[in-house]
Amino acid sequence: MDLEVQGRIKELAGSLGGDNLVVVLGAPNVDSSLIQFETVTRGDPTYSGPLTGVELGLDTYHIFEPAMKAMIGGEKYDELLGTLELALEGDTIVEALEGARR
């Protein structure tokens, strides 16, 4: 997650409030998904961006998670993301984020 995106998320969380903001990740692998998750929940783990030391605790999901699939709708989800989810090991990403939330 680049520094500009971190800054925008921080700005939105400040103006809208964390309860009114949901982050949807689309990172292509487990490692980048976990880093992005940590950045918007516990603060930038690389200590280089605007979210360094800022614990926003935002609700964060990956586009491959069941909650996102339900919002998009099964048929449309499969059309837009189904193949991509298989190619990028979507189940592994989902499991990693579920573990990080615990």
PDB file of N, CA and C in Angstrom:
ATOM      1  N   MET A   1       0.857  -1.167   0.000  1.00  0.00           N
ATOM      2  CA  MET A   1       0.000   0.000   0.000  1.00  0.00           C
ATOM      3  C   MET A   1       0.901   1.226   0.000  1.00  0.00           C
ATOM      4  N   ASP A   2       0.748   2.038  -1.034  1.00  0.00           N
ATOM      5  CA  ASP A   2       1.656   3.177  -1.140  1.00  0.00           C
ATOM      6  C   ASP A   2       1.286   4.284  -0.149  1.00  0.00           C
ATOM      7  N   LEU A   3       2.178   5.236  -0.015  1.00  0.00           N
ATOM      8  CA  LEU A   3       2.022   6.278   0.998  1.00  0.00           C
ATOM      9  C   LEU A   3       0.825   7.167   0.718  1.00  0.00           C
ATOM     10  N   GLU A   4       0.529   7.416  -0.538  1.00  0.00           N
ATOM     11  CA  GLU A   4      -0.629   8.244  -0.893  1.00  0.00           C
ATOM     12  C   GLU A   4      -1.933   7.578  -0.464  1.00  0.00           C
ATOM     13  N   VAL A   5      -2.038   6.279  -0.686  1.00  0.00           N
ATOM     14  CA  VAL A   5      -3.239   5.537  -0.286  1.00  0.00           C
ATOM     15  C   VAL A   5      -3.358   5.532   1.237  1.00  0.00           C
ATOM     16  N   GLN A   6      -2.246   5.324   1.935  1.00  0.00           N
ATOM     17  CA  GLN A   6      -2.276   5.377   3.399  1.00  0.00           C
ATOM     18  C   GLN A   6      -2.797   6.731   3.876  1.00  0.00           C
ATOM     19  N   GLY A   7      -2.303   7.792   3.272  1.00  0.00           N
ATOM     20  CA  GLY A   7      -2.729   9.132   3.655  1.00  0.00           C
ATOM     21  C   GLY A   7      -4.209   9.346   3.416  1.00  0.00           C
ATOM     22  N   ARG A   8      -4.709   8.855   2.296  1.00  0.00           N
ATOM     23  CA  ARG A   8      -6.139   9.008   1.970  1.00  0.00           C
ATOM     24  C   ARG A   8      -7.009   8.221   2.937  1.00  0.00           C
ATOM     25  N   ILE A   9      -6.591   7.015   3.291  1.00  0.00           N
ATOM     26  CA  ILE A   9      -7.339   6.211   4.256  1.00  0.00           C
ATOM     27  C   ILE A   9      -7.363   6.900   5.614  1.00  0.00           C
ATOM     28  N   LYS A  10      -6.242   7.439   6.029  1.00  0.00           N
ATOM     29  CA  LYS A  10      -6.171   8.154   7.304  1.00  0.00           C
ATOM     30  C   LYS A  10      -7.112   9.360   7.289  1.00  0.00           C
ATOM     31  N   GLU A  11      -7.111  10.075   6.180  1.00  0.00           N
ATOM     32  CA  GLU A  11      -7.982  11.246   6.023  1.00  0.00           C
ATOM     33  C   GLU A  11      -9.461  10.844   6.074  1.00  0.00           C
ATOM     34  N   LEU A  12      -9.821   9.792   5.359  1.00  0.00           N
ATOM     35  CA  LEU A  12     -11.207   9.327   5.353  1.00  0.00           C
ATOM     36  C   LEU A  12     -11.646   8.836   6.724  1.00  0.00           C
ATOM     37  N   ALA A  13     -10.783   8.100   7.406  1.00  0.00           N
ATOM     38  CA  ALA A  13     -11.118   7.621   8.746  1.00  0.00           C
ATOM     39  C   ALA A  13     -11.326   8.788   9.702  1.00  0.00           C
ATOM     40  N   GLY A  14     -10.529   9.846   9.524  1.00  0.00           N
ATOM     41  CA  GLY A  14     -10.693  11.027  10.369  1.00  0.00           C
ATOM     42  C   GLY A  14     -11.978  11.780  10.082  1.00  0.00           C
ATOM     43  N   SER A  15     -12.347  11.901   8.827  1.00  0.00           N
ATOM     44  CA  SER A  15     -13.530  12.681   8.483  1.00  0.00           C
ATOM     45  C   SER A  15     -14.832  11.883   8.580  1.00  0.00           C
ATOM     46  N   LEU A  16     -14.800  10.596   8.233  1.00  0.00           N
ATOM     47  CA  LEU A  16     -16.016   9.780   8.258  1.00  0.00           C
ATOM     48  C   LEU A  16     -16.177   8.993   9.548  1.00  0.00           C
ATOM     49  N   GLY A  17     -15.076   8.733  10.217  1.00  0.00           N
ATOM     50  CA  GLY A  17     -15.089   7.881  11.401  1.00  0.00           C
ATOM     51  C   GLY A  17     -14.871   6.434  10.994  1.00  0.00           C
ATOM     52  N   GLY A  18     -14.143   5.708  11.783  1.00  0.00           N
ATOM     53  CA  GLY A  18     -13.802   4.321  11.473  1.00  0.00           C
ATOM     54  C   GLY A  18     -15.001   3.403  11.348  1.00  0.00           C
ATOM     55  N   ASP A  19     -16.099   3.723  12.045  1.00  0.00           N
ATOM     56  CA  ASP A  19     -17.289   2.881  11.972  1.00  0.00           C
ATOM     57  C   ASP A  19     -18.017   3.015  10.638  1.00  0.00           C
ATOM     58  N   ASN A  20     -17.692   4.028   9.879  1.00  0.00           N
ATOM     59  CA  ASN A  20     -18.358   4.281   8.607  1.00  0.00           C
ATOM     60  C   ASN A  20     -17.476   3.971   7.404  1.00  0.00           C
ATOM     61  N   LEU A  21     -16.423   3.214   7.629  1.00  0.00           N
ATOM     62  CA  LEU A  21     -15.461   2.936   6.572  1.00  0.00           C
ATOM     63  C   LEU A  21     -15.092   1.459   6.579  1.00  0.00           C
ATOM     64  N   VAL A  22     -15.108   0.849   5.417  1.00  0.00           N
ATOM     65  CA  VAL A  22     -14.698  -0.544   5.255  1.00  0.00           C
ATOM     66  C   VAL A  22     -13.625  -0.577   4.179  1.00  0.00           C
ATOM     67  N   VAL A  23     -12.551  -1.296   4.426  1.00  0.00           N
ATOM     68  CA  VAL A  23     -11.466  -1.427   3.465  1.00  0.00           C
ATOM     69  C   VAL A  23     -11.603  -2.782   2.772  1.00  0.00           C
ATOM     70  N   VAL A  24     -11.581  -2.761   1.441  1.00  0.00           N
ATOM     71  CA  VAL A  24     -11.621  -3.995   0.660  1.00  0.00           C
ATOM     72  C   VAL A  24     -10.274  -4.137  -0.043  1.00  0.00           C
ATOM     73  N   LEU A  25      -9.575  -5.193   0.326  1.00  0.00           N
ATOM     74  CA  LEU A  25      -8.256  -5.458  -0.250  1.00  0.00           C
ATOM     75  C   LEU A  25      -8.381  -6.288  -1.514  1.00  0.00           C
ATOM     76  N   GLY A  26      -7.417  -6.149  -2.389  1.00  0.00           N
ATOM     77  CA  GLY A  26      -7.365  -6.951  -3.607  1.00  0.00           C
ATOM     78  C   GLY A  26      -5.971  -7.470  -3.867  1.00  0.00           C
ATOM     79  N   ALA A  27      -5.130  -7.481  -2.836  1.00  0.00           N
ATOM     80  CA  ALA A  27      -3.744  -7.919  -2.990  1.00  0.00           C
ATOM     81  C   ALA A  27      -3.699  -9.351  -3.527  1.00  0.00           C
ATOM     82  N   PRO A  28      -2.712  -9.657  -4.367  1.00  0.00           N
ATOM     83  CA  PRO A  28      -2.685 -10.944  -5.058  1.00  0.00           C
ATOM     84  C   PRO A  28      -2.086 -12.119  -4.297  1.00  0.00           C
ATOM     85  N   ASN A  29      -1.572 -11.877  -3.090  1.00  0.00           N
ATOM     86  CA  ASN A  29      -0.979 -12.987  -2.345  1.00  0.00           C
ATOM     87  C   ASN A  29      -1.130 -12.780  -0.843  1.00  0.00           C
ATOM     88  N   VAL A  30      -0.805 -13.805  -0.092  1.00  0.00           N
ATOM     89  CA  VAL A  30      -0.988 -13.780   1.362  1.00  0.00           C
ATOM     90  C   VAL A  30      -0.140 -12.688   2.009  1.00  0.00           C
ATOM     91  N   ASP A  31       1.141 -12.631   1.675  1.00  0.00           N
ATOM     92  CA  ASP A  31       2.029 -11.674   2.337  1.00  0.00           C
ATOM     93  C   ASP A  31       1.564 -10.233   2.156  1.00  0.00           C
ATOM     94  N   SER A  32       1.267  -9.843   0.935  1.00  0.00           N
ATOM     95  CA  SER A  32       0.846  -8.462   0.719  1.00  0.00           C
ATOM     96  C   SER A  32      -0.524  -8.204   1.336  1.00  0.00           C
ATOM     97  N   SER A  33      -1.400  -9.187   1.348  1.00  0.00           N
ATOM     98  CA  SER A  33      -2.707  -9.029   1.991  1.00  0.00           C
ATOM     99  C   SER A  33      -2.550  -8.793   3.487  1.00  0.00           C
ATOM    100  N   LEU A  34      -1.671  -9.551   4.119  1.00  0.00           N
ATOM    101  CA  LEU A  34      -1.466  -9.395   5.567  1.00  0.00           C
ATOM    102  C   LEU A  34      -0.824  -8.055   5.909  1.00  0.00           C
ATOM    103  N   ILE A  35       0.107  -7.597   5.094  1.00  0.00           N
ATOM    104  CA  ILE A  35       0.738  -6.299   5.341  1.00  0.00           C
ATOM    105  C   ILE A  35      -0.294  -5.187   5.204  1.00  0.00           C
ATOM    106  N   GLN A  36      -1.114  -5.257   4.164  1.00  0.00           N
ATOM    107  CA  GLN A  36      -2.142  -4.237   3.978  1.00  0.00           C
ATOM    108  C   GLN A  36      -3.167  -4.290   5.106  1.00  0.00           C
ATOM    109  N   PHE A  37      -3.549  -5.489   5.515  1.00  0.00           N
ATOM    110  CA  PHE A  37      -4.477  -5.650   6.628  1.00  0.00           C
ATOM    111  C   PHE A  37      -3.913  -5.003   7.891  1.00  0.00           C
ATOM    112  N   GLU A  38      -2.675  -5.322   8.202  1.00  0.00           N
ATOM    113  CA  GLU A  38      -2.043  -4.758   9.397  1.00  0.00           C
ATOM    114  C   GLU A  38      -1.947  -3.243   9.314  1.00  0.00           C
ATOM    115  N   THR A  39      -1.645  -2.730   8.141  1.00  0.00           N
ATOM    116  CA  THR A  39      -1.495  -1.284   7.969  1.00  0.00           C
ATOM    117  C   THR A  39      -2.769  -0.542   8.333  1.00  0.00           C
ATOM    118  N   VAL A  40      -3.926  -1.033   7.896  1.00  0.00           N
ATOM    119  CA  VAL A  40      -5.180  -0.303   8.147  1.00  0.00           C
ATOM    120  C   VAL A  40      -5.862  -0.681   9.458  1.00  0.00           C
ATOM    121  N   THR A  41      -5.326  -1.672  10.153  1.00  0.00           N
ATOM    122  CA  THR A  41      -5.894  -2.031  11.449  1.00  0.00           C
ATOM    123  C   THR A  41      -4.977  -1.631  12.607  1.00  0.00           C
ATOM    124  N   ARG A  42      -3.709  -1.994  12.512  1.00  0.00           N
ATOM    125  CA  ARG A  42      -2.772  -1.786  13.626  1.00  0.00           C
ATOM    126  C   ARG A  42      -1.707  -0.729  13.372  1.00  0.00           C
ATOM    127  N   GLY A  43      -1.610  -0.256  12.128  1.00  0.00           N
ATOM    128  CA  GLY A  43      -0.591   0.739  11.779  1.00  0.00           C
ATOM    129  C   GLY A  43       0.447   0.158  10.838  1.00  0.00           C
ATOM    130  N   ASP A  44       1.088   1.015  10.089  1.00  0.00           N
ATOM    131  CA  ASP A  44       2.057   0.615   9.065  1.00  0.00           C
ATOM    132  C   ASP A  44       3.227  -0.151   9.682  1.00  0.00           C
ATOM    133  N   PRO A  45       3.348  -1.461   9.380  1.00  0.00           N
ATOM    134  CA  PRO A  45       4.424  -2.258   9.960  1.00  0.00           C
ATOM    135  C   PRO A  45       5.806  -1.931   9.392  1.00  0.00           C
ATOM    136  N   THR A  46       5.851  -1.184   8.279  1.00  0.00           N
ATOM    137  CA  THR A  46       7.138  -0.818   7.696  1.00  0.00           C
ATOM    138  C   THR A  46       7.675   0.486   8.271  1.00  0.00           C
ATOM    139  N   TYR A  47       6.867   1.150   9.076  1.00  0.00           N
ATOM    140  CA  TYR A  47       7.259   2.419   9.715  1.00  0.00           C
ATOM    141  C   TYR A  47       7.703   3.474   8.703  1.00  0.00           C
ATOM    142  N   SER A  48       7.009   3.509   7.547  1.00  0.00           N
ATOM    143  CA  SER A  48       7.420   4.478   6.536  1.00  0.00           C
ATOM    144  C   SER A  48       6.282   5.360   6.039  1.00  0.00           C
ATOM    145  N   GLY A  49       5.056   5.067   6.430  1.00  0.00           N
ATOM    146  CA  GLY A  49       3.930   5.806   5.874  1.00  0.00           C
ATOM    147  C   GLY A  49       3.143   6.589   6.895  1.00  0.00           C
ATOM    148  N   PRO A  50       2.121   7.299   6.440  1.00  0.00           N
ATOM    149  CA  PRO A  50       1.282   8.107   7.307  1.00  0.00           C
ATOM    150  C   PRO A  50       0.560   7.312   8.404  1.00  0.00           C
ATOM    151  N   LEU A  51       0.429   5.998   8.211  1.00  0.00           N
ATOM    152  CA  LEU A  51      -0.245   5.183   9.225  1.00  0.00           C
ATOM    153  C   LEU A  51       0.721   4.539  10.223  1.00  0.00           C
ATOM    154  N   THR A  52       1.971   4.957  10.213  1.00  0.00           N
ATOM    155  CA  THR A  52       2.935   4.466  11.203  1.00  0.00           C
ATOM    156  C   THR A  52       2.446   4.850  12.593  1.00  0.00           C
ATOM    157  N   GLY A  53       2.262   3.851  13.439  1.00  0.00           N
ATOM    158  CA  GLY A  53       1.827   4.092  14.810  1.00  0.00           C
ATOM    159  C   GLY A  53       0.363   4.495  14.945  1.00  0.00           C
ATOM    160  N   VAL A  54      -0.402   4.427  13.863  1.00  0.00           N
ATOM    161  CA  VAL A  54      -1.812   4.813  13.888  1.00  0.00           C
ATOM    162  C   VAL A  54      -2.660   3.548  13.788  1.00  0.00           C
ATOM    163  N   GLU A  55      -3.352   3.221  14.873  1.00  0.00           N
ATOM    164  CA  GLU A  55      -4.202   2.028  14.895  1.00  0.00           C
ATOM    165  C   GLU A  55      -5.627   2.429  14.553  1.00  0.00           C
ATOM    166  N   LEU A  56      -5.998   2.304  13.288  1.00  0.00           N
ATOM    167  CA  LEU A  56      -7.343   2.681  12.861  1.00  0.00           C
ATOM    168  C   LEU A  56      -8.376   1.606  13.190  1.00  0.00           C
ATOM    169  N   GLY A  57      -7.963   0.352  13.220  1.00  0.00           N
ATOM    170  CA  GLY A  57      -8.886  -0.736  13.540  1.00  0.00           C
ATOM    171  C   GLY A  57     -10.044  -0.850  12.561  1.00  0.00           C
ATOM    172  N   LEU A  58      -9.815  -0.517  11.310  1.00  0.00           N
ATOM    173  CA  LEU A  58     -10.893  -0.521  10.319  1.00  0.00           C
ATOM    174  C   LEU A  58     -11.328  -1.941   9.969  1.00  0.00           C
ATOM    175  N   ASP A  59     -12.620  -2.101   9.717  1.00  0.00           N
ATOM    176  CA  ASP A  59     -13.109  -3.376   9.198  1.00  0.00           C
ATOM    177  C   ASP A  59     -12.464  -3.570   7.830  1.00  0.00           C
ATOM    178  N   THR A  60     -11.821  -4.707   7.651  1.00  0.00           N
ATOM    179  CA  THR A  60     -11.048  -4.945   6.434  1.00  0.00           C
ATOM    180  C   THR A  60     -11.308  -6.349   5.917  1.00  0.00           C
ATOM    181  N   TYR A  61     -11.598  -6.431   4.633  1.00  0.00           N
ATOM    182  CA  TYR A  61     -11.888  -7.706   3.983  1.00  0.00           C
ATOM    183  C   TYR A  61     -11.107  -7.793   2.679  1.00  0.00           C
ATOM    184  N   HIS A  62     -10.842  -9.004   2.266  1.00  0.00           N
ATOM    185  CA  HIS A  62     -10.282  -9.217   0.933  1.00  0.00           C
ATOM    186  C   HIS A  62     -11.457  -9.472   0.001  1.00  0.00           C
ATOM    187  N   ILE A  63     -11.321  -9.080  -1.237  1.00  0.00           N
ATOM    188  CA  ILE A  63     -12.391  -9.258  -2.222  1.00  0.00           C
ATOM    189  C   ILE A  63     -12.794 -10.720  -2.362  1.00  0.00           C
ATOM    190  N   PHE A  64     -11.916 -11.658  -1.987  1.00  0.00           N
ATOM    191  CA  PHE A  64     -12.210 -13.080  -2.094  1.00  0.00           C
ATOM    192  C   PHE A  64     -13.012 -13.626  -0.913  1.00  0.00           C
ATOM    193  N   GLU A  65     -13.263 -12.831   0.109  1.00  0.00           N
ATOM    194  CA  GLU A  65     -13.959 -13.337   1.293  1.00  0.00           C
ATOM    195  C   GLU A  65     -15.453 -13.504   1.043  1.00  0.00           C
ATOM    196  N   PRO A  66     -16.062 -14.461   1.742  1.00  0.00           N
ATOM    197  CA  PRO A  66     -17.496 -14.728   1.549  1.00  0.00           C
ATOM    198  C   PRO A  66     -18.386 -13.486   1.708  1.00  0.00           C
ATOM    199  N   ALA A  67     -18.060 -12.605   2.617  1.00  0.00           N
ATOM    200  CA  ALA A  67     -18.876 -11.394   2.807  1.00  0.00           C
ATOM    201  C   ALA A  67     -18.882 -10.533   1.553  1.00  0.00           C
ATOM    202  N   MET A  68     -17.760 -10.454   0.885  1.00  0.00           N
ATOM    203  CA  MET A  68     -17.678  -9.668  -0.350  1.00  0.00           C
ATOM    204  C   MET A  68     -18.392 -10.384  -1.496  1.00  0.00           C
ATOM    205  N   LYS A  69     -18.252 -11.699  -1.533  1.00  0.00           N
ATOM    206  CA  LYS A  69     -18.953 -12.484  -2.560  1.00  0.00           C
ATOM    207  C   LYS A  69     -20.461 -12.271  -2.437  1.00  0.00           C
ATOM    208  N   ALA A  70     -20.957 -12.285  -1.209  1.00  0.00           N
ATOM    209  CA  ALA A  70     -22.390 -12.105  -0.977  1.00  0.00           C
ATOM    210  C   ALA A  70     -22.861 -10.721  -1.415  1.00  0.00           C
ATOM    211  N   MET A  71     -22.053  -9.720  -1.166  1.00  0.00           N
ATOM    212  CA  MET A  71     -22.428  -8.356  -1.558  1.00  0.00           C
ATOM    213  C   MET A  71     -22.476  -8.207  -3.081  1.00  0.00           C
ATOM    214  N   ILE A  72     -21.563  -8.847  -3.778  1.00  0.00           N
ATOM    215  CA  ILE A  72     -21.486  -8.741  -5.233  1.00  0.00           C
ATOM    216  C   ILE A  72     -22.542  -9.626  -5.898  1.00  0.00           C
ATOM    217  N   GLY A  73     -22.798 -10.773  -5.300  1.00  0.00           N
ATOM    218  CA  GLY A  73     -23.741 -11.730  -5.881  1.00  0.00           C
ATOM    219  C   GLY A  73     -22.989 -12.825  -6.601  1.00  0.00           C
ATOM    220  N   GLY A  74     -23.406 -14.060  -6.384  1.00  0.00           N
ATOM    221  CA  GLY A  74     -22.688 -15.230  -6.878  1.00  0.00           C
ATOM    222  C   GLY A  74     -22.382 -15.246  -8.353  1.00  0.00           C
ATOM    223  N   GLU A  75     -23.389 -15.021  -9.188  1.00  0.00           N
ATOM    224  CA  GLU A  75     -23.179 -15.087 -10.630  1.00  0.00           C
ATOM    225  C   GLU A  75     -22.244 -13.981 -11.118  1.00  0.00           C
ATOM    226  N   LYS A  76     -22.464 -12.769 -10.648  1.00  0.00           N
ATOM    227  CA  LYS A  76     -21.621 -11.642 -11.058  1.00  0.00           C
ATOM    228  C   LYS A  76     -20.202 -11.822 -10.521  1.00  0.00           C
ATOM    229  N   TYR A  77     -20.079 -12.303  -9.287  1.00  0.00           N
ATOM    230  CA  TYR A  77     -18.765 -12.556  -8.695  1.00  0.00           C
ATOM    231  C   TYR A  77     -17.987 -13.557  -9.546  1.00  0.00           C
ATOM    232  N   ASP A  78     -18.642 -14.671  -9.878  1.00  0.00           N
ATOM    233  CA  ASP A  78     -17.975 -15.692 -10.688  1.00  0.00           C
ATOM    234  C   ASP A  78     -17.540 -15.133 -12.035  1.00  0.00           C
ATOM    235  N   GLU A  79     -18.380 -14.309 -12.627  1.00  0.00           N
ATOM    236  CA  GLU A  79     -18.055 -13.708 -13.918  1.00  0.00           C
ATOM    237  C   GLU A  79     -16.832 -12.794 -13.833  1.00  0.00           C
ATOM    238  N   LEU A  80     -16.773 -11.989 -12.772  1.00  0.00           N
ATOM    239  CA  LEU A  80     -15.712 -10.986 -12.648  1.00  0.00           C
ATOM    240  C   LEU A  80     -14.455 -11.503 -11.956  1.00  0.00           C
ATOM    241  N   LEU A  81     -14.628 -12.359 -10.956  1.00  0.00           N
ATOM    242  CA  LEU A  81     -13.500 -12.700 -10.087  1.00  0.00           C
ATOM    243  C   LEU A  81     -13.250 -14.195  -9.891  1.00  0.00           C
ATOM    244  N   GLY A  82     -14.148 -15.038 -10.317  1.00  0.00           N
ATOM    245  CA  GLY A  82     -14.038 -16.473 -10.043  1.00  0.00           C
ATOM    246  C   GLY A  82     -12.726 -17.092 -10.495  1.00  0.00           C
ATOM    247  N   THR A  83     -12.344 -16.856 -11.736  1.00  0.00           N
ATOM    248  CA  THR A  83     -11.096 -17.415 -12.264  1.00  0.00           C
ATOM    249  C   THR A  83      -9.888 -16.829 -11.554  1.00  0.00           C
ATOM    250  N   LEU A  84      -9.942 -15.545 -11.296  1.00  0.00           N
ATOM    251  CA  LEU A  84      -8.838 -14.878 -10.612  1.00  0.00           C
ATOM    252  C   LEU A  84      -8.640 -15.446  -9.206  1.00  0.00           C
ATOM    253  N   GLU A  85      -9.748 -15.702  -8.515  1.00  0.00           N
ATOM    254  CA  GLU A  85      -9.668 -16.271  -7.169  1.00  0.00           C
ATOM    255  C   GLU A  85      -8.949 -17.615  -7.179  1.00  0.00           C
ATOM    256  N   LEU A  86      -9.238 -18.447  -8.149  1.00  0.00           N
ATOM    257  CA  LEU A  86      -8.571 -19.753  -8.263  1.00  0.00           C
ATOM    258  C   LEU A  86      -7.096 -19.597  -8.595  1.00  0.00           C
ATOM    259  N   ALA A  87      -6.786 -18.701  -9.499  1.00  0.00           N
ATOM    260  CA  ALA A  87      -5.399 -18.497  -9.925  1.00  0.00           C
ATOM    261  C   ALA A  87      -4.528 -17.931  -8.807  1.00  0.00           C
ATOM    262  N   LEU A  88      -5.121 -17.141  -7.924  1.00  0.00           N
ATOM    263  CA  LEU A  88      -4.346 -16.481  -6.866  1.00  0.00           C
ATOM    264  C   LEU A  88      -4.476 -17.152  -5.503  1.00  0.00           C
ATOM    265  N   GLU A  89      -4.961 -18.355  -5.469  1.00  0.00           N
ATOM    266  CA  GLU A  89      -5.087 -19.089  -4.202  1.00  0.00           C
ATOM    267  C   GLU A  89      -5.932 -18.306  -3.194  1.00  0.00           C
ATOM    268  N   GLY A  90      -7.129 -17.955  -3.622  1.00  0.00           N
ATOM    269  CA  GLY A  90      -8.031 -17.162  -2.796  1.00  0.00           C
ATOM    270  C   GLY A  90      -8.301 -17.756  -1.428  1.00  0.00           C
ATOM    271  N   ASP A  91      -8.458 -19.075  -1.352  1.00  0.00           N
ATOM    272  CA  ASP A  91      -8.734 -19.719  -0.064  1.00  0.00           C
ATOM    273  C   ASP A  91      -7.610 -19.467   0.937  1.00  0.00           C
ATOM    274  N   THR A  92      -6.382 -19.511   0.477  1.00  0.00           N
ATOM    275  CA  THR A  92      -5.228 -19.290   1.353  1.00  0.00           C
ATOM    276  C   THR A  92      -5.202 -17.849   1.871  1.00  0.00           C
ATOM    277  N   ILE A  93      -5.522 -16.906   1.011  1.00  0.00           N
ATOM    278  CA  ILE A  93      -5.573 -15.494   1.423  1.00  0.00           C
ATOM    279  C   ILE A  93      -6.668 -15.299   2.458  1.00  0.00           C
ATOM    280  N   VAL A  94      -7.842 -15.865   2.211  1.00  0.00           N
ATOM    281  CA  VAL A  94      -8.970 -15.743   3.143  1.00  0.00           C
ATOM    282  C   VAL A  94      -8.610 -16.345   4.499  1.00  0.00           C
ATOM    283  N   GLU A  95      -8.029 -17.525   4.506  1.00  0.00           N
ATOM    284  CA  GLU A  95      -7.629 -18.172   5.761  1.00  0.00           C
ATOM    285  C   GLU A  95      -6.628 -17.314   6.530  1.00  0.00           C
ATOM    286  N   ALA A  96      -5.680 -16.738   5.831  1.00  0.00           N
ATOM    287  CA  ALA A  96      -4.662 -15.897   6.494  1.00  0.00           C
ATOM    288  C   ALA A  96      -5.296 -14.669   7.142  1.00  0.00           C
ATOM    289  N   LEU A  97      -6.233 -14.031   6.456  1.00  0.00           N
ATOM    290  CA  LEU A  97      -6.886 -12.847   7.026  1.00  0.00           C
ATOM    291  C   LEU A  97      -7.788 -13.226   8.198  1.00  0.00           C
ATOM    292  N   GLU A  98      -8.473 -14.342   8.090  1.00  0.00           N
ATOM    293  CA  GLU A  98      -9.292 -14.795   9.212  1.00  0.00           C
ATOM    294  C   GLU A  98      -8.422 -15.029  10.446  1.00  0.00           C
ATOM    295  N   GLY A  99      -7.255 -15.608  10.243  1.00  0.00           N
ATOM    296  CA  GLY A  99      -6.316 -15.821  11.342  1.00  0.00           C
ATOM    297  C   GLY A  99      -5.805 -14.505  11.912  1.00  0.00           C
ATOM    298  N   ALA A 100      -5.554 -13.542  11.064  1.00  0.00           N
ATOM    299  CA  ALA A 100      -5.041 -12.238  11.523  1.00  0.00           C
ATOM    300  C   ALA A 100      -6.091 -11.496  12.357  1.00  0.00           C
ATOM    301  N   ARG A 101      -7.343 -11.705  12.062  1.00  0.00           N
ATOM    302  CA  ARG A 101      -8.414 -11.045  12.829  1.00  0.00           C
ATOM    303  C   ARG A 101      -8.533 -11.600  14.249  1.00  0.00           C
ATOM    304  N   ARG A 102      -8.138 -12.853  14.425  1.00  0.00           N
ATOM    305  CA  ARG A 102      -8.265 -13.468  15.750  1.00  0.00           C
ATOM    306  C   ARG A 102      -7.250 -12.982  16.692  1.00  0.00           C
TER     307      ARG A 102
END
